[in-house]
């Protein structure tokens, strides 16, 4: 099966309520966003990306959350006063 980004379905997937949740690693996400992995981790550390899922020592992002974030225009988080 191919995703809207033209990639084949990842082996990094989990099931939630009969729905397949695709997870992508930093390399895959950087490629989707046309960024370097270093820039991706910089955005993660400043909270500018959706929160990742940590599985053991592995960091993954839910592709559905990334799509929603992109659809909203990649908003930056609101800093509390």
N, C-alpha and C. Protein backbone atom coordinates (compact mmCIF):
# COMPACT_ATOMS: atom_id res chain seq x y z
N UNK A 1 0.85 -1.18 0.00
CA UNK A 1 0.00 0.00 0.00
C UNK A 1 0.89 1.24 0.00
N UNK A 2 0.49 2.27 -0.72
CA UNK A 2 1.27 3.50 -0.85
C UNK A 2 0.59 4.62 -0.09
N UNK A 3 1.38 5.43 0.60
CA UNK A 3 0.86 6.57 1.35
C UNK A 3 0.68 7.75 0.41
N UNK A 4 -0.03 8.82 0.85
CA UNK A 4 -0.18 10.02 0.02
C UNK A 4 1.17 10.67 -0.32
N UNK A 5 2.22 10.34 0.42
CA UNK A 5 3.53 10.90 0.15
C UNK A 5 4.31 10.04 -0.84
N UNK A 6 3.66 9.01 -1.40
CA UNK A 6 4.29 8.17 -2.39
C UNK A 6 5.21 7.12 -1.82
N UNK A 7 5.16 6.91 -0.51
CA UNK A 7 6.01 5.91 0.12
C UNK A 7 5.21 4.65 0.36
N UNK A 8 5.89 3.54 0.37
CA UNK A 8 5.19 2.31 0.71
C UNK A 8 4.91 2.30 2.20
N UNK A 9 3.92 1.55 2.59
CA UNK A 9 3.53 1.50 3.98
C UNK A 9 4.69 1.05 4.84
N UNK A 10 4.99 1.79 5.88
CA UNK A 10 6.14 1.54 6.73
C UNK A 10 5.95 0.30 7.59
N UNK A 11 7.08 -0.34 7.91
CA UNK A 11 7.02 -1.47 8.83
C UNK A 11 6.81 -0.97 10.26
N UNK A 12 6.99 0.35 10.48
CA UNK A 12 6.81 0.96 11.79
C UNK A 12 5.36 1.41 11.93
N UNK A 13 4.49 0.50 12.25
CA UNK A 13 3.07 0.84 12.34
C UNK A 13 2.48 0.20 13.58
N UNK A 14 1.46 0.82 14.11
CA UNK A 14 0.75 0.28 15.27
C UNK A 14 -0.74 0.32 14.95
N UNK A 15 -1.52 -0.50 15.62
CA UNK A 15 -2.96 -0.51 15.42
C UNK A 15 -3.63 0.22 16.58
N UNK A 16 -4.61 1.05 16.21
CA UNK A 16 -5.40 1.75 17.23
C UNK A 16 -6.84 1.69 16.77
N UNK A 17 -7.68 0.98 17.51
CA UNK A 17 -9.11 0.87 17.21
C UNK A 17 -9.37 0.51 15.74
N UNK A 18 -8.77 -0.57 15.29
CA UNK A 18 -8.92 -1.08 13.93
C UNK A 18 -8.44 -0.10 12.86
N UNK A 19 -7.63 0.83 13.23
CA UNK A 19 -7.10 1.81 12.29
C UNK A 19 -5.58 1.67 12.31
N UNK A 20 -4.97 1.62 11.15
CA UNK A 20 -3.53 1.51 11.06
C UNK A 20 -2.90 2.89 11.27
N UNK A 21 -1.99 2.99 12.23
CA UNK A 21 -1.30 4.24 12.51
C UNK A 21 0.13 4.07 12.03
N UNK A 22 0.49 4.83 11.02
CA UNK A 22 1.84 4.73 10.47
C UNK A 22 2.79 5.63 11.25
N UNK A 23 3.91 5.06 11.63
CA UNK A 23 4.95 5.79 12.33
C UNK A 23 6.15 5.95 11.42
N UNK A 24 6.78 7.12 11.44
CA UNK A 24 7.96 7.37 10.63
C UNK A 24 9.11 7.78 11.53
N UNK A 25 10.31 7.39 11.15
CA UNK A 25 11.49 7.77 11.93
C UNK A 25 12.01 9.13 11.46
N UNK A 26 13.08 9.60 12.08
CA UNK A 26 13.61 10.92 11.78
C UNK A 26 14.07 11.04 10.34
N UNK A 27 14.72 10.01 9.83
CA UNK A 27 15.20 10.06 8.45
C UNK A 27 14.04 10.18 7.47
N UNK A 28 12.99 9.37 7.69
CA UNK A 28 11.82 9.41 6.81
C UNK A 28 11.11 10.76 6.91
N UNK A 29 10.95 11.26 8.14
CA UNK A 29 10.26 12.54 8.33
C UNK A 29 11.06 13.69 7.73
N UNK A 30 12.37 13.67 7.90
CA UNK A 30 13.20 14.71 7.30
C UNK A 30 13.04 14.72 5.79
N UNK A 31 12.97 13.54 5.18
CA UNK A 31 12.79 13.45 3.73
C UNK A 31 11.42 14.00 3.32
N UNK A 32 10.38 13.63 4.08
CA UNK A 32 9.02 14.13 3.79
C UNK A 32 8.97 15.66 3.86
N UNK A 33 9.65 16.24 4.86
CA UNK A 33 9.62 17.68 5.07
C UNK A 33 10.71 18.43 4.30
N UNK A 34 11.55 17.69 3.57
CA UNK A 34 12.67 18.28 2.83
C UNK A 34 13.60 19.07 3.75
N UNK A 35 13.94 18.45 4.87
CA UNK A 35 14.85 19.04 5.86
C UNK A 35 15.99 18.08 6.13
N UNK A 36 17.06 18.60 6.71
CA UNK A 36 18.12 17.71 7.18
C UNK A 36 17.64 17.10 8.51
N UNK A 37 18.23 15.97 8.88
CA UNK A 37 17.87 15.37 10.18
C UNK A 37 18.25 16.30 11.32
N UNK A 38 19.35 17.04 11.17
CA UNK A 38 19.79 17.97 12.21
C UNK A 38 18.72 19.05 12.43
N UNK A 39 18.20 19.60 11.34
CA UNK A 39 17.15 20.62 11.45
C UNK A 39 15.90 20.04 12.07
N UNK A 40 15.58 18.80 11.70
CA UNK A 40 14.41 18.12 12.28
C UNK A 40 14.55 18.02 13.80
N UNK A 41 15.71 17.58 14.27
CA UNK A 41 15.91 17.44 15.72
C UNK A 41 15.95 18.81 16.41
N UNK A 42 16.41 19.84 15.71
CA UNK A 42 16.38 21.19 16.27
C UNK A 42 14.92 21.64 16.46
N UNK A 43 14.08 21.39 15.46
CA UNK A 43 12.66 21.72 15.58
C UNK A 43 12.00 20.92 16.70
N UNK A 44 12.38 19.65 16.82
CA UNK A 44 11.84 18.81 17.90
C UNK A 44 12.23 19.38 19.27
N UNK A 45 13.49 19.77 19.42
CA UNK A 45 13.95 20.26 20.72
C UNK A 45 13.32 21.58 21.12
N UNK A 46 12.89 22.38 20.13
CA UNK A 46 12.24 23.66 20.44
C UNK A 46 10.72 23.52 20.52
N UNK A 47 10.22 22.29 20.32
CA UNK A 47 8.79 22.05 20.43
C UNK A 47 8.00 22.49 19.20
N UNK A 48 8.68 22.69 18.07
CA UNK A 48 8.00 23.18 16.88
C UNK A 48 7.39 22.07 16.03
N UNK A 49 7.67 20.83 16.36
CA UNK A 49 7.08 19.68 15.68
C UNK A 49 6.06 19.03 16.60
N UNK A 50 5.12 18.29 16.04
CA UNK A 50 4.23 17.49 16.90
C UNK A 50 5.08 16.55 17.77
N UNK A 51 4.59 16.23 18.94
CA UNK A 51 5.31 15.36 19.87
C UNK A 51 5.51 13.98 19.26
N UNK A 52 6.73 13.45 19.36
CA UNK A 52 6.96 12.10 18.84
C UNK A 52 6.55 11.04 19.84
N UNK A 53 6.53 9.81 19.35
CA UNK A 53 6.29 8.63 20.19
C UNK A 53 7.66 8.03 20.45
N UNK A 54 7.96 7.73 21.71
CA UNK A 54 9.24 7.11 22.04
C UNK A 54 8.97 5.65 22.40
N UNK A 55 9.59 4.75 21.64
CA UNK A 55 9.46 3.31 21.86
C UNK A 55 10.83 2.78 22.24
N UNK A 56 11.02 2.53 23.53
CA UNK A 56 12.36 2.16 23.98
C UNK A 56 13.27 3.35 23.74
N UNK A 57 14.29 3.19 22.92
CA UNK A 57 15.16 4.29 22.57
C UNK A 57 14.87 4.87 21.20
N UNK A 58 13.82 4.39 20.55
CA UNK A 58 13.48 4.84 19.20
C UNK A 58 12.46 5.97 19.23
N UNK A 59 12.69 6.97 18.40
CA UNK A 59 11.78 8.11 18.29
C UNK A 59 11.04 7.99 16.96
N UNK A 60 9.72 8.06 17.01
CA UNK A 60 8.88 7.98 15.81
C UNK A 60 7.80 9.05 15.89
N UNK A 61 7.33 9.48 14.73
CA UNK A 61 6.23 10.43 14.65
C UNK A 61 5.05 9.77 13.96
N UNK A 62 3.84 10.09 14.41
CA UNK A 62 2.63 9.58 13.76
C UNK A 62 2.43 10.39 12.48
N UNK A 63 2.39 9.70 11.36
CA UNK A 63 2.25 10.37 10.08
C UNK A 63 0.95 11.16 10.00
N UNK A 64 -0.11 10.66 10.61
CA UNK A 64 -1.39 11.37 10.60
C UNK A 64 -1.27 12.72 11.32
N UNK A 65 -0.51 12.78 12.42
CA UNK A 65 -0.32 14.04 13.14
C UNK A 65 0.53 15.01 12.33
N UNK A 66 1.52 14.48 11.61
CA UNK A 66 2.36 15.32 10.76
C UNK A 66 1.52 15.91 9.63
N UNK A 67 0.66 15.09 9.03
CA UNK A 67 -0.22 15.59 7.96
C UNK A 67 -1.12 16.71 8.47
N UNK A 68 -1.71 16.52 9.66
CA UNK A 68 -2.58 17.55 10.24
C UNK A 68 -1.79 18.83 10.52
N UNK A 69 -0.59 18.69 11.04
CA UNK A 69 0.27 19.82 11.34
C UNK A 69 0.59 20.60 10.07
N UNK A 70 0.91 19.88 8.97
CA UNK A 70 1.18 20.53 7.69
C UNK A 70 -0.07 21.22 7.17
N UNK A 71 -1.23 20.55 7.26
CA UNK A 71 -2.49 21.13 6.79
C UNK A 71 -2.84 22.43 7.51
N UNK A 72 -2.43 22.54 8.78
CA UNK A 72 -2.68 23.75 9.57
C UNK A 72 -1.63 24.82 9.32
N UNK A 73 -0.67 24.54 8.42
CA UNK A 73 0.35 25.54 8.11
C UNK A 73 1.58 25.46 8.99
N UNK A 74 1.83 24.32 9.61
CA UNK A 74 3.00 24.10 10.47
C UNK A 74 3.07 25.15 11.59
N UNK A 75 2.01 25.28 12.38
CA UNK A 75 1.99 26.32 13.41
C UNK A 75 3.05 26.09 14.49
N UNK A 76 3.57 27.19 14.97
CA UNK A 76 4.53 27.14 16.08
C UNK A 76 3.72 27.09 17.38
N UNK A 77 4.26 26.45 18.41
CA UNK A 77 3.51 26.38 19.66
C UNK A 77 3.39 27.76 20.32
N UNK A 78 2.30 27.95 21.02
CA UNK A 78 2.09 29.22 21.73
C UNK A 78 2.82 29.14 23.05
N UNK A 79 3.69 30.11 23.29
CA UNK A 79 4.46 30.12 24.55
C UNK A 79 3.63 30.78 25.64
N UNK A 80 3.55 30.12 26.83
CA UNK A 80 2.80 30.73 27.93
C UNK A 80 3.52 31.97 28.43
N UNK A 81 2.72 32.93 28.90
CA UNK A 81 3.29 34.19 29.41
C UNK A 81 3.73 34.06 30.84
